[in-house]
C-alpha atoms as a PDB file:
ATOM      1  CA  MET A   1      29.902  17.349  16.276  1.00  0.00           C
ATOM      2  CA  SER A   2      29.735  20.364  18.579  1.00  0.00           C
ATOM      3  CA  ARG A   3      27.485  22.419  16.257  1.00  0.00           C
ATOM      4  CA  VAL A   4      25.000  19.264  16.114  1.00  0.00           C
ATOM      5  CA  HIS A   5      24.973  19.229  19.849  1.00  0.00           C
ATOM      6  CA  ASP A   6      24.422  23.065  20.078  1.00  0.00           C
ATOM      7  CA  ALA A   7      21.524  22.294  17.774  1.00  0.00           C
ATOM      8  CA  LEU A   8      20.126  19.761  19.662  1.00  0.00           C
ATOM      9  CA  ARG A   9      20.259  22.032  22.857  1.00  0.00           C
ATOM     10  CA  ARG A  10      18.348  24.673  21.326  1.00  0.00           C
ATOM     11  CA  ALA A  11      15.780  22.422  19.837  1.00  0.00           C
ATOM     12  CA  GLU A  12      14.873  21.123  23.246  1.00  0.00           C
ATOM     13  CA  THR A  13      13.799  24.309  24.660  1.00  0.00           C
ATOM     14  CA  GLY A  14      11.777  24.797  21.012  1.00  0.00           C
ATOM     15  CA  ARG A  15      13.935  27.684  20.208  1.00  0.00           C
ATOM     16  CA  PRO A  16      14.886  28.228  16.468  1.00  0.00           C
ATOM     17  CA  VAL A  17      18.435  27.838  15.934  1.00  0.00           C
ATOM     18  CA  SER A  18      20.408  30.855  15.157  1.00  0.00           C
ATOM     19  CA  THR A  19      23.777  29.637  13.647  1.00  0.00           C
ATOM     20  CA  PRO A  20      24.315  30.726  10.086  1.00  0.00           C
ATOM     21  CA  VAL A  21      23.941  27.124   9.025  1.00  0.00           C
ATOM     22  CA  VAL A  22      20.357  26.957   9.906  1.00  0.00           C
ATOM     23  CA  PRO A  23      17.545  28.046   7.312  1.00  0.00           C
ATOM     24  CA  PRO A  24      14.426  29.262   8.195  1.00  0.00           C
ATOM     25  CA  ALA A  25      11.341  27.199   8.830  1.00  0.00           C
ATOM     26  CA  GLY A  26       8.178  26.397   6.628  1.00  0.00           C
ATOM     27  CA  PRO A  27       4.545  26.312   7.388  1.00  0.00           C
ATOM     28  CA  LEU A  28       4.659  22.462   7.745  1.00  0.00           C
ATOM     29  CA  GLY A  29       7.754  22.802   9.787  1.00  0.00           C
ATOM     30  CA  ALA A  30      10.573  21.473   8.122  1.00  0.00           C
ATOM     31  CA  VAL A  31      13.933  23.430   8.958  1.00  0.00           C
ATOM     32  CA  ALA A  32      17.432  21.973   7.831  1.00  0.00           C
ATOM     33  CA  ALA A  33      19.945  22.569  10.381  1.00  0.00           C
ATOM     34  CA  MET A  34      22.948  21.151   8.308  1.00  0.00           C
ATOM     35  CA  THR A  35      26.353  20.480   9.731  1.00  0.00           C
ATOM     36  CA  THR A  36      29.216  18.909   8.276  1.00  0.00           C
ATOM     37  CA  ALA A  37      31.070  15.961  10.136  1.00  0.00           C
ATOM     38  CA  HIS A  38      33.509  13.454   8.452  1.00  0.00           C
ATOM     39  CA  VAL A  39      32.017  10.606   6.618  1.00  0.00           C
ATOM     40  CA  ALA A  40      34.297   7.484   6.097  1.00  0.00           C
ATOM     41  CA  THR A  41      33.576   6.132   2.870  1.00  0.00           C
ATOM     42  CA  PRO A  42      32.616   2.155   2.802  1.00  0.00           C
ATOM     43  CA  GLY A  43      34.103  -0.465   0.682  1.00  0.00           C
ATOM     44  CA  VAL A  44      31.999  -0.812  -2.349  1.00  0.00           C
ATOM     45  CA  ALA A  45      31.880  -4.118  -4.087  1.00  0.00           C
ATOM     46  CA  ASP A  46      32.292  -3.734  -7.725  1.00  0.00           C
ATOM     47  CA  SER A  47      29.433  -5.981  -8.825  1.00  0.00           C
ATOM     48  CA  GLY A  48      28.844  -4.094 -11.950  1.00  0.00           C
ATOM     49  CA  PRO A  49      25.619  -1.764 -13.058  1.00  0.00           C
ATOM     50  CA  LEU A  50      22.127  -3.326 -12.911  1.00  0.00           C
ATOM     51  CA  THR A  51      21.827  -3.267 -16.671  1.00  0.00           C
ATOM     52  CA  GLY A  52      18.318  -3.023 -18.172  1.00  0.00           C
ATOM     53  CA  LEU A  53      16.518  -2.906 -14.612  1.00  0.00           C
ATOM     54  CA  LEU A  54      15.148   0.445 -14.926  1.00  0.00           C
ATOM     55  CA  GLU A  55      13.119  -0.719 -18.083  1.00  0.00           C
ATOM     56  CA  GLN A  56      11.545  -3.786 -16.090  1.00  0.00           C
ATOM     57  CA  ILE A  57      10.231  -1.773 -13.284  1.00  0.00           C
ATOM     58  CA  GLN A  58       6.503  -0.862 -12.674  1.00  0.00           C
ATOM     59  CA  GLU A  59       4.999   2.592 -13.100  1.00  0.00           C
ATOM     60  CA  VAL A  60       2.640   4.104 -10.724  1.00  0.00           C
ATOM     61  CA  PRO A  61       0.845   7.532 -10.608  1.00  0.00           C
ATOM     62  CA  TRP A  62       1.601  10.516  -8.140  1.00  0.00           C
ATOM     63  CA  ASP A  63      -1.357   9.884  -5.924  1.00  0.00           C
ATOM     64  CA  PRO A  64       0.031  10.958  -2.561  1.00  0.00           C
ATOM     65  CA  ALA A  65      -2.344  10.879   0.718  1.00  0.00           C
ATOM     66  CA  PRO A  66      -3.534  14.100   1.651  1.00  0.00           C
ATOM     67  CA  GLU A  67      -2.302  13.993   4.984  1.00  0.00           C
ATOM     68  CA  ALA A  68       1.389  13.204   3.780  1.00  0.00           C
ATOM     69  CA  HIS A  69       2.057  16.733   3.242  1.00  0.00           C
ATOM     70  CA  LEU A  70       4.012  15.922   0.197  1.00  0.00           C
ATOM     71  CA  ILE A  71       5.809  18.517  -1.939  1.00  0.00           C
ATOM     72  CA  ASP A  72       3.938  19.042  -4.993  1.00  0.00           C
ATOM     73  CA  SER A  73       5.909  19.708  -8.319  1.00  0.00           C
ATOM     74  CA  GLN A  74       2.927  21.840  -9.450  1.00  0.00           C
ATOM     75  CA  ARG A  75       3.048  24.219  -6.305  1.00  0.00           C
ATOM     76  CA  LEU A  76       6.653  24.671  -6.010  1.00  0.00           C
ATOM     77  CA  GLN A  77       6.063  28.323  -4.650  1.00  0.00           C
ATOM     78  CA  GLU A  78       5.001  26.987  -1.073  1.00  0.00           C
ATOM     79  CA  SER A  79       7.638  27.494   1.494  1.00  0.00           C
ATOM     80  CA  PRO A  80       8.102  23.933   2.701  1.00  0.00           C
ATOM     81  CA  THR A  81       9.789  23.068  -0.772  1.00  0.00           C
ATOM     82  CA  GLU A  82      11.925  25.933  -0.289  1.00  0.00           C
ATOM     83  CA  GLU A  83      13.180  24.621   3.069  1.00  0.00           C
ATOM     84  CA  PHE A  84      13.963  20.865   1.441  1.00  0.00           C
ATOM     85  CA  ARG A  85      15.568  22.679  -1.426  1.00  0.00           C
ATOM     86  CA  SER A  86      18.007  24.183   1.080  1.00  0.00           C
ATOM     87  CA  LEU A  87      18.447  20.699   2.609  1.00  0.00           C
ATOM     88  CA  ARG A  88      19.006  19.519  -0.940  1.00  0.00           C
ATOM     89  CA  THR A  89      21.574  22.101  -1.813  1.00  0.00           C
ATOM     90  CA  ARG A  90      23.506  21.283   1.522  1.00  0.00           C
ATOM     91  CA  ILE A  91      23.520  17.590   1.232  1.00  0.00           C
ATOM     92  CA  ASN A  92      24.400  18.005  -2.804  1.00  0.00           C
ATOM     93  CA  HIS A  93      27.404  19.910  -1.976  1.00  0.00           C
ATOM     94  CA  LEU A  94      28.560  17.511   0.486  1.00  0.00           C
ATOM     95  CA  GLN A  95      28.250  14.836  -2.453  1.00  0.00           C
ATOM     96  CA  SER A  96      30.427  16.939  -4.637  1.00  0.00           C
ATOM     97  CA  VAL A  97      33.463  16.710  -1.812  1.00  0.00           C
ATOM     98  CA  GLN A  98      33.219  13.113  -0.510  1.00  0.00           C
ATOM     99  CA  ARG A  99      31.323   9.999  -1.264  1.00  0.00           C
ATOM    100  CA  LEU A 100      27.564  10.548  -0.401  1.00  0.00           C
ATOM    101  CA  HIS A 101      25.038   8.501  -2.307  1.00  0.00           C
ATOM    102  CA  THR A 102      23.560   6.327   0.438  1.00  0.00           C
ATOM    103  CA  LEU A 103      21.730   8.242   3.407  1.00  0.00           C
ATOM    104  CA  VAL A 104      19.681   6.775   6.284  1.00  0.00           C
ATOM    105  CA  VAL A 105      17.137   9.399   7.615  1.00  0.00           C
ATOM    106  CA  THR A 106      16.438   8.790  11.326  1.00  0.00           C
ATOM    107  CA  SER A 107      15.715  10.050  14.749  1.00  0.00           C
ATOM    108  CA  ALA A 108      16.026   9.317  18.579  1.00  0.00           C
ATOM    109  CA  SER A 109      12.420   8.692  19.201  1.00  0.00           C
ATOM    110  CA  PRO A 110       9.091   8.184  17.332  1.00  0.00           C
ATOM    111  CA  ALA A 111       7.031  11.120  16.114  1.00  0.00           C
ATOM    112  CA  GLU A 112      10.021  13.571  15.461  1.00  0.00           C
ATOM    113  CA  GLY A 113       9.071  13.640  11.503  1.00  0.00           C
ATOM    114  CA  LYS A 114      11.741  11.304   9.935  1.00  0.00           C
ATOM    115  CA  SER A 115       9.592   9.559   7.443  1.00  0.00           C
ATOM    116  CA  PHE A 116       8.017  13.116   6.320  1.00  0.00           C
ATOM    117  CA  THR A 117      11.603  14.183   5.959  1.00  0.00           C
ATOM    118  CA  ALA A 118      12.959  11.120   4.183  1.00  0.00           C
ATOM    119  CA  ALA A 119      10.025  11.583   1.587  1.00  0.00           C
ATOM    120  CA  ASN A 120      10.087  14.990   0.857  1.00  0.00           C
ATOM    121  CA  LEU A 121      13.967  15.079   0.619  1.00  0.00           C
ATOM    122  CA  ALA A 122      13.750  12.261  -1.970  1.00  0.00           C
ATOM    123  CA  VAL A 123      10.925  14.362  -3.716  1.00  0.00           C
ATOM    124  CA  VAL A 124      12.946  17.282  -3.818  1.00  0.00           C
ATOM    125  CA  GLU A 125      16.479  15.498  -5.286  1.00  0.00           C
ATOM    126  CA  SER A 126      14.010  13.852  -7.973  1.00  0.00           C
ATOM    127  CA  HIS A 127      12.995  17.463  -9.107  1.00  0.00           C
ATOM    128  CA  LEU A 128      16.378  17.716 -10.486  1.00  0.00           C
ATOM    129  CA  GLN A 129      16.898  16.931 -14.058  1.00  0.00           C
ATOM    130  CA  GLY A 130      18.349  13.236 -14.361  1.00  0.00           C
ATOM    131  CA  ASN A 131      18.747  12.801 -10.889  1.00  0.00           C
ATOM    132  CA  ASN A 132      17.186   9.350 -10.393  1.00  0.00           C
ATOM    133  CA  THR A 133      16.326   8.988  -6.833  1.00  0.00           C
ATOM    134  CA  VAL A 134      15.076   5.865  -4.926  1.00  0.00           C
ATOM    135  CA  LEU A 135      13.125   6.151  -1.558  1.00  0.00           C
ATOM    136  CA  CYS A 136      13.846   2.733   0.602  1.00  0.00           C
ATOM    137  CA  ASP A 137      11.270   1.882   3.500  1.00  0.00           C
ATOM    138  CA  PHE A 138      13.868   0.043   5.901  1.00  0.00           C
ATOM    139  CA  ASP A 139      11.314   0.539   8.765  1.00  0.00           C
ATOM    140  CA  PHE A 140       9.989  -2.969   8.896  1.00  0.00           C
ATOM    141  CA  ARG A 141       8.434  -2.463  12.481  1.00  0.00           C
ATOM    142  CA  ARG A 142       6.049   0.391  11.425  1.00  0.00           C
ATOM    143  CA  PRO A 143       6.501   0.977   7.659  1.00  0.00           C
ATOM    144  CA  ILE A 144       4.780   4.059   6.385  1.00  0.00           C
ATOM    145  CA  ILE A 145       6.075   4.823   2.773  1.00  0.00           C
ATOM    146  CA  HIS A 146       3.505   2.819   0.919  1.00  0.00           C
ATOM    147  CA  SER A 147       0.785   4.724   2.736  1.00  0.00           C
ATOM    148  CA  LEU A 148       2.331   8.121   2.101  1.00  0.00           C
ATOM    149  CA  PHE A 149       2.249   7.629  -1.905  1.00  0.00           C
ATOM    150  CA  ARG A 150      -0.516   5.288  -1.616  1.00  0.00           C
ATOM    151  CA  ILE A 151       1.032   2.126  -3.077  1.00  0.00           C
ATOM    152  CA  ASP A 152       1.214  -1.631  -2.256  1.00  0.00           C
ATOM    153  CA  ARG A 153       3.048  -2.524   0.817  1.00  0.00           C
ATOM    154  CA  SER A 154       4.115  -5.533  -0.880  1.00  0.00           C
ATOM    155  CA  PRO A 155       6.155  -6.948  -2.773  1.00  0.00           C
ATOM    156  CA  GLY A 156       8.941  -4.858  -1.025  1.00  0.00           C
ATOM    157  CA  LEU A 157      12.256  -5.228   0.965  1.00  0.00           C
ATOM    158  CA  THR A 158      11.216  -7.992   2.981  1.00  0.00           C
ATOM    159  CA  ASP A 159      10.077 -10.156  -0.035  1.00  0.00           C
ATOM    160  CA  TYR A 160      13.527  -9.443  -1.957  1.00  0.00           C
ATOM    161  CA  LEU A 161      15.290 -10.528   1.095  1.00  0.00           C
ATOM    162  CA  GLN A 162      13.578 -13.592   1.635  1.00  0.00           C
ATOM    163  CA  GLY A 163      14.053 -14.500  -1.973  1.00  0.00           C
ATOM    164  CA  LYS A 164      10.225 -14.030  -2.533  1.00  0.00           C
ATOM    165  CA  ALA A 165      10.467 -11.126  -5.214  1.00  0.00           C
ATOM    166  CA  THR A 166      13.234  -9.953  -7.333  1.00  0.00           C
ATOM    167  CA  LEU A 167      14.596  -6.521  -7.527  1.00  0.00           C
ATOM    168  CA  PRO A 168      12.772  -5.293 -10.375  1.00  0.00           C
ATOM    169  CA  GLU A 169       9.389  -6.465  -8.819  1.00  0.00           C
ATOM    170  CA  ILE A 170       9.871  -4.303  -5.660  1.00  0.00           C
ATOM    171  CA  ILE A 171      10.835  -1.040  -7.091  1.00  0.00           C
ATOM    172  CA  ARG A 172       8.064   1.150  -8.243  1.00  0.00           C
ATOM    173  CA  LYS A 173       8.450   4.252 -10.228  1.00  0.00           C
ATOM    174  CA  ILE A 174       6.359   7.503  -9.968  1.00  0.00           C
ATOM    175  CA  ALA A 175       5.174   8.090 -13.723  1.00  0.00           C
ATOM    176  CA  GLY A 176       6.901  11.152 -15.495  1.00  0.00           C
ATOM    177  CA  THR A 177       9.334  11.822 -12.780  1.00  0.00           C
ATOM    178  CA  ASN A 178      12.855  10.638 -11.312  1.00  0.00           C
ATOM    179  CA  LEU A 179      11.471   9.693  -8.272  1.00  0.00           C
ATOM    180  CA  PHE A 180      11.452   5.747  -7.387  1.00  0.00           C
ATOM    181  CA  LEU A 181      10.170   3.914  -4.525  1.00  0.00           C
ATOM    182  CA  ILE A 182      11.002   0.513  -2.634  1.00  0.00           C
ATOM    183  CA  PRO A 183       8.227  -0.229  -0.087  1.00  0.00           C
ATOM    184  CA  ALA A 184       8.873  -2.365   3.166  1.00  0.00           C
ATOM    185  CA  GLY A 185       7.040  -5.459   1.857  1.00  0.00           C
ATOM    186  CA  GLY A 186       5.298  -8.262   3.958  1.00  0.00           C
ATOM    187  CA  ALA A 187       5.415  -8.047   7.937  1.00  0.00           C
ATOM    188  CA  VAL A 188       8.198 -10.055   9.241  1.00  0.00           C
ATOM    189  CA  LEU A 189       9.053 -11.395  13.080  1.00  0.00           C
ATOM    190  CA  ASN A 190      12.337 -10.785  12.836  1.00  0.00           C
ATOM    191  CA  PRO A 191      13.494  -7.356  11.298  1.00  0.00           C
ATOM    192  CA  LEU A 192      16.902  -7.102  12.527  1.00  0.00           C
ATOM    193  CA  GLU A 193      17.758 -10.618  11.530  1.00  0.00           C
ATOM    194  CA  LEU A 194      16.573  -9.801   8.303  1.00  0.00           C
ATOM    195  CA  LEU A 195      18.932  -6.523   7.825  1.00  0.00           C
ATOM    196  CA  ASN A 196      21.902  -8.517   8.960  1.00  0.00           C
ATOM    197  CA  LEU A 197      21.644 -10.535   5.611  1.00  0.00           C
ATOM    198  CA  LYS A 198      24.417  -9.858   3.669  1.00  0.00           C
ATOM    199  CA  GLU A 199      22.226  -9.449   0.646  1.00  0.00           C
ATOM    200  CA  VAL A 200      21.178  -6.028   2.482  1.00  0.00           C
ATOM    201  CA  LYS A 201      24.831  -4.556   2.214  1.00  0.00           C
ATOM    202  CA  THR A 202      25.209  -6.045  -1.258  1.00  0.00           C
ATOM    203  CA  LEU A 203      22.054  -4.041  -1.987  1.00  0.00           C
ATOM    204  CA  LEU A 204      23.121  -0.942  -0.676  1.00  0.00           C
ATOM    205  CA  ASP A 205      26.289  -0.978  -2.477  1.00  0.00           C
ATOM    206  CA  ARG A 206      24.568  -1.625  -5.748  1.00  0.00           C
ATOM    207  CA  LEU A 207      21.877   0.557  -6.025  1.00  0.00           C
ATOM    208  CA  PRO A 208      24.004   3.648  -6.336  1.00  0.00           C
ATOM    209  CA  SER A 209      24.765   2.087  -9.990  1.00  0.00           C
ATOM    210  CA  LEU A 210      21.385   2.898 -11.046  1.00  0.00           C
ATOM    211  CA  PHE A 211      20.216   5.875  -8.696  1.00  0.00           C
ATOM    212  CA  ASN A 212      22.172   9.076  -7.697  1.00  0.00           C
ATOM    213  CA  TRP A 213      20.625   9.211  -4.164  1.00  0.00           C
ATOM    214  CA  VAL A 214      19.212   6.554  -2.293  1.00  0.00           C
ATOM    215  CA  VAL A 215      17.200   7.601   0.804  1.00  0.00           C
ATOM    216  CA  LEU A 216      16.309   5.059   3.663  1.00  0.00           C
ATOM    217  CA  ASP A 217      13.743   5.713   6.041  1.00  0.00           C
ATOM    218  CA  SER A 218      14.583   3.672   9.464  1.00  0.00           C
ATOM    219  CA  PRO A 219      13.307   2.985  12.891  1.00  0.00           C
ATOM    220  CA  PRO A 220      14.194   5.486  15.819  1.00  0.00           C
ATOM    221  CA  LEU A 221      17.639   4.751  16.831  1.00  0.00           C
ATOM    222  CA  LEU A 222      16.517   4.566  20.603  1.00  0.00           C
ATOM    223  CA  PHE A 223      13.842   1.987  19.795  1.00  0.00           C
ATOM    224  CA  ALA A 224      15.536  -0.413  17.846  1.00  0.00           C
ATOM    225  CA  ALA A 225      19.097  -1.397  16.774  1.00  0.00           C
ATOM    226  CA  ASP A 226      17.805  -1.206  12.826  1.00  0.00           C
ATOM    227  CA  ALA A 227      18.930   2.421  12.095  1.00  0.00           C
ATOM    228  CA  ASN A 228      22.346   1.837  13.753  1.00  0.00           C
ATOM    229  CA  LEU A 229      23.026  -1.278  11.759  1.00  0.00           C
ATOM    230  CA  LEU A 230      21.982   0.475   8.403  1.00  0.00           C
ATOM    231  CA  SER A 231      24.236   3.437   9.250  1.00  0.00           C
ATOM    232  CA  THR A 232      27.187   1.263   9.016  1.00  0.00           C
ATOM    233  CA  MET A 233      26.165   0.098   5.806  1.00  0.00           C
ATOM    234  CA  CYS A 234      25.573   3.578   4.315  1.00  0.00           C
ATOM    235  CA  ASP A 235      27.561   6.794   3.276  1.00  0.00           C
ATOM    236  CA  GLY A 236      25.847   9.263   6.030  1.00  0.00           C
ATOM    237  CA  THR A 237      23.055   9.580   8.397  1.00  0.00           C
ATOM    238  CA  LEU A 238      20.663  12.338   8.855  1.00  0.00           C
ATOM    239  CA  LEU A 239      19.228  12.997  12.478  1.00  0.00           C
ATOM    240  CA  VAL A 240      15.779  14.293  12.749  1.00  0.00           C
ATOM    241  CA  VAL A 241      14.637  16.162  15.747  1.00  0.00           C
ATOM    242  CA  ARG A 242      11.404  17.925  16.709  1.00  0.00           C
ATOM    243  CA  LEU A 243      11.565  21.223  18.158  1.00  0.00           C
ATOM    244  CA  GLY A 244      10.319  21.743  21.555  1.00  0.00           C
ATOM    245  CA  GLN A 245       9.873  18.011  21.892  1.00  0.00           C
ATOM    246  CA  THR A 246      13.157  16.482  21.397  1.00  0.00           C
ATOM    247  CA  ASN A 247      15.005  15.503  24.750  1.00  0.00           C
ATOM    248  CA  ILE A 248      18.726  16.376  24.438  1.00  0.00           C
ATOM    249  CA  ASP A 249      19.596  13.653  26.659  1.00  0.00           C
ATOM    250  CA  ALA A 250      17.892  11.011  24.679  1.00  0.00           C
ATOM    251  CA  VAL A 251      19.605  12.414  21.200  1.00  0.00           C
ATOM    252  CA  SER A 252      22.588  12.235  23.206  1.00  0.00           C
ATOM    253  CA  ARG A 253      22.430   8.693  24.090  1.00  0.00           C
ATOM    254  CA  ALA A 254      21.378   7.760  20.725  1.00  0.00           C
ATOM    255  CA  LEU A 255      24.350   9.580  19.023  1.00  0.00           C
ATOM    256  CA  THR A 256      26.680   7.840  21.576  1.00  0.00           C
ATOM    257  CA  GLY A 257      25.235   4.574  20.969  1.00  0.00           C
ATOM    258  CA  MET A 258      25.942   4.916  17.222  1.00  0.00           C
ATOM    259  CA  SER A 259      28.304   2.094  16.121  1.00  0.00           C
ATOM    260  CA  HIS A 260      29.412   4.313  13.330  1.00  0.00           C
ATOM    261  CA  ASN A 261      29.785   7.966  13.392  1.00  0.00           C
ATOM    262  CA  ASN A 262      28.773   9.304  10.181  1.00  0.00           C
ATOM    263  CA  VAL A 263      26.021  11.773  11.167  1.00  0.00           C
ATOM    264  CA  ILE A 264      26.192  14.737   8.410  1.00  0.00           C
ATOM    265  CA  GLY A 265      23.660  17.059  10.009  1.00  0.00           C
ATOM    266  CA  VAL A 266      20.396  17.604  11.925  1.00  0.00           C
ATOM    267  CA  VAL A 267      16.951  18.534  10.501  1.00  0.00           C
ATOM    268  CA  ALA A 268      15.012  20.453  13.108  1.00  0.00           C
ATOM    269  CA  ASN A 269      11.407  19.902  12.495  1.00  0.00           C
ATOM    270  CA  ALA A 270       8.129  21.574  13.485  1.00  0.00           C
ATOM    271  CA  ALA A 271       9.289  25.236  13.718  1.00  0.00           C
ATOM    272  CA  LYS A 272       6.780  27.786  13.911  1.00  0.00           C
ATOM    273  CA  ARG A 273       6.006  29.761  10.615  1.00  0.00           C
ATOM    274  CA  GLY A 274       6.130  33.068  12.766  1.00  0.00           C
ATOM    275  CA  GLU A 275       9.610  32.321  14.375  1.00  0.00           C
ATOM    276  CA  LEU A 276      11.688  32.371  11.092  1.00  0.00           C
ATOM    277  CA  TYR A 277       9.633  32.811   8.110  1.00  0.00           C
ATOM    278  CA  SER A 278       7.807  36.206   7.953  1.00  0.00           C
ATOM    279  CA  LYS A 279      10.763  37.655   5.588  1.00  0.00           C
ATOM    280  CA  TYR A 280      10.776  34.611   3.487  1.00  0.00           C
ATOM    281  CA  THR A 281       6.439  34.731   3.069  1.00  0.00           C
ATOM    282  CA  TYR A 282       6.771  38.357   2.018  1.00  0.00           C
ATOM    283  CA  TYR A 283       9.318  37.785  -0.686  1.00  0.00           C
ATOM    284  CA  HIS A 284       7.577  35.095  -2.262  1.00  0.00           C
ATOM    285  CA  SER A 285       4.148  36.006  -1.843  1.00  0.00           C
ATOM    286  CA  TYR A 286       5.195  39.227  -3.733  1.00  0.00           C
ATOM    287  CA  TYR A 287       7.020  37.461  -6.286  1.00  0.00           C
ATOM    288  CA  TYR A 288       4.165  34.967  -7.290  1.00  0.00           C
ATOM    289  CA  GLU A 289       1.443  37.508  -6.833  1.00  0.00           C
ATOM    290  CA  LYS A 290       3.281  39.854  -9.177  1.00  0.00           C
ATOM    291  CA  ALA A 291       3.892  37.020 -11.905  1.00  0.00           C
ATOM    292  CA  GLU A 292      -0.064  36.276 -11.578  1.00  0.00           C
ATOM    293  CA  THR A 293      -0.569  40.003 -11.872  1.00  0.00           C
ATOM    294  CA  ASP A 294       1.267  40.188 -14.931  1.00  0.00           C
ATOM    295  CA  ASP A 295      -0.081  37.213 -16.921  1.00  0.00           C
ATOM    296  CA  ALA A 296      -3.651  38.757 -16.268  1.00  0.00           C
ATOM    297  CA  GLU A 297      -2.878  42.075 -17.452  1.00  0.00           C
ATOM    298  CA  ASP A 298      -4.728  41.904 -21.137  1.00  0.00           C
ATOM    299  CA  ASN A 299      -5.551  44.732 -23.441  1.00  0.00           C
ATOM    300  CA  GLU A 300      -9.341  45.684 -23.751  1.00  0.00           C
ATOM    301  CA  ASP A 301      -9.688  43.630 -27.135  1.00  0.00           C
ATOM    302  CA  GLY A 302      -8.487  40.384 -24.951  1.00  0.00           C
ATOM    303  CA  SER A 303      -4.743  40.475 -26.663  1.00  0.00           C
ATOM    304  CA  PRO A 304      -1.636  40.130 -24.492  1.00  0.00           C
ATOM    305  CA  ALA A 305      -0.481  43.534 -22.923  1.00  0.00           C
ATOM    306  CA  SER A 306       2.939  44.458 -24.578  1.00  0.00           C
ATOM    307  CA  GLU A 307       6.052  45.058 -22.184  1.00  0.00           C
ATOM    308  CA  SER A 308       5.662  48.857 -22.943  1.00  0.00           C
ATOM    309  CA  GLU A 309       2.106  48.490 -21.503  1.00  0.00           C
ATOM    310  CA  LYS A 310       2.774  46.604 -18.518  1.00  0.00           C
ATOM    311  CA  ASN A 311       5.459  48.969 -17.265  1.00  0.00           C
ATOM    312  CA  GLY A 312       3.313  51.711 -17.895  1.00  0.00           C
END
């Protein structure tokens, strides 16, 4: 965990982390500072696959809120996409060497970008062929996933856990993609008590039979015990910090208070584009501008230019 703490110390001062495991930051401020740590393999109840469930799920259109800053599969040249692809590559590599299917995304304090990170990580995972990914809103106190994707909040997880809805009823599929969503559901007065139900662990153990990745958005560690509890039921935890804002003491207290040390890495959010991204921007701008120029080069009669004509 020494590299995790080193990344956090640098994050507190607002300086980009200079270790080789940290990729550059995008204009929307997502930078993955991944470090590996031992992840214990929890016992998984063999309850069998949920046969036929996917065929019962309601499809919804891709209609994200403009302020959500979600990655658009039609605009993959934008730099935030590349940052989340880097994060995807790192956690997919970890998955190849250890059990890692259920992942809690959290932070020490509010407003550090955990929901932004969880949502975009799920989106880029779903871009891979056959990589079914479900994003679950386990922040019953201040849920936001339904707002980001502009879907109904209910029925959702709280409804399922209270026996008011079935599993197929709470899952939505983004039409034409491998992305699935489970919103938080109706408001409840006892979020932590609901998360202590055995049905939560059973659900998290069974979802990997349907999905390659199960990504959980959860409350901040220091403001509720929910994320701590969820981390004990999942394969790994991803910690989001905000450059220039995250307090190292707060994060240290959050990590120390965790019951299960399965933090697989840190995502440093809100890095400035100019700090690390000039070379990336130059390279990708050149690549896409050249592609557009090549597509536009036609002969005077309107026919496409041949390769010899394009090359002079």
